[in-house]
């Protein structure tokens, strides 16, 4: 691969994260937080909808 090893690529990625992370990290964390909160809300809604009496089968 043109003399570039996996460790070289990982070091380049690590340096890029260290340089650009202070600017973008807060935005990324906010996005992840909203994504997880939306996911939990949807799971709770699906659980309550599945537990409602009209959705339960009669057990034949």
Protein backbone atom coordinates (compact mmCIF):
# COMPACT_ATOMS: atom_id res chain seq x y z
CA UNK A 1 0.00 0.00 0.00
CA UNK A 2 2.62 2.48 -1.14
CA UNK A 3 4.73 1.87 1.96
CA UNK A 4 2.03 3.16 4.31
CA UNK A 5 1.21 0.76 7.10
CA UNK A 6 -1.86 0.55 9.29
CA UNK A 7 -0.04 2.15 12.22
CA UNK A 8 0.89 5.14 10.04
CA UNK A 9 -2.74 5.65 9.07
CA UNK A 10 -3.88 5.34 12.69
CA UNK A 11 -1.31 7.93 13.80
CA UNK A 12 -2.47 10.34 11.08
CA UNK A 13 -6.10 9.86 12.12
CA UNK A 14 -5.20 10.36 15.79
CA UNK A 15 -3.36 13.61 15.03
CA UNK A 16 -6.29 14.85 12.94
CA UNK A 17 -8.71 14.07 15.78
CA UNK A 18 -6.50 15.90 18.28
CA UNK A 19 -6.29 18.96 16.02
CA UNK A 20 -9.93 19.16 14.92
CA UNK A 21 -11.70 17.66 17.94
CA UNK A 22 -11.76 20.77 20.15
CA UNK A 23 -13.75 22.62 17.48
CA UNK A 24 -16.14 19.86 16.43
CA UNK A 25 -16.36 17.62 19.52
CA UNK A 26 -19.09 19.61 21.33
CA UNK A 27 -21.27 19.52 18.20
CA UNK A 28 -20.74 15.79 17.81
CA UNK A 29 -21.61 15.12 21.46
CA UNK A 30 -24.80 17.19 21.18
CA UNK A 31 -25.79 15.27 18.08
CA UNK A 32 -25.16 11.92 19.75
CA UNK A 33 -27.10 13.01 22.83
CA UNK A 34 -30.14 14.00 20.79
CA UNK A 35 -29.91 10.79 18.75
CA UNK A 36 -29.87 8.60 21.87
CA UNK A 37 -32.68 10.52 23.55
CA UNK A 38 -34.83 10.17 20.43
CA UNK A 39 -34.01 6.45 20.29
CA UNK A 40 -35.00 5.95 23.94
CA UNK A 41 -38.24 7.89 23.39
CA UNK A 42 -39.16 5.69 20.43
CA UNK A 43 -38.36 2.50 22.34
CA UNK A 44 -40.54 3.62 25.25
CA UNK A 45 -43.41 4.45 22.89
CA UNK A 46 -43.14 1.06 21.22
CA UNK A 47 -43.03 -0.72 24.59
CA UNK A 48 -46.15 1.04 25.84
CA UNK A 49 -47.96 0.39 22.56
CA UNK A 50 -47.03 -3.31 22.70
CA UNK A 51 -48.20 -3.58 26.32
CA UNK A 52 -51.63 -2.07 25.68
CA UNK A 53 -54.55 -4.54 26.14
CA UNK A 54 -55.89 -4.32 22.59
CA UNK A 55 -52.51 -5.39 21.14
CA UNK A 56 -52.23 -8.53 23.29
CA UNK A 57 -53.34 -11.78 21.73
CA UNK A 58 -55.90 -14.03 23.39
CA UNK A 59 -53.43 -16.92 23.60
CA UNK A 60 -54.95 -19.60 21.41
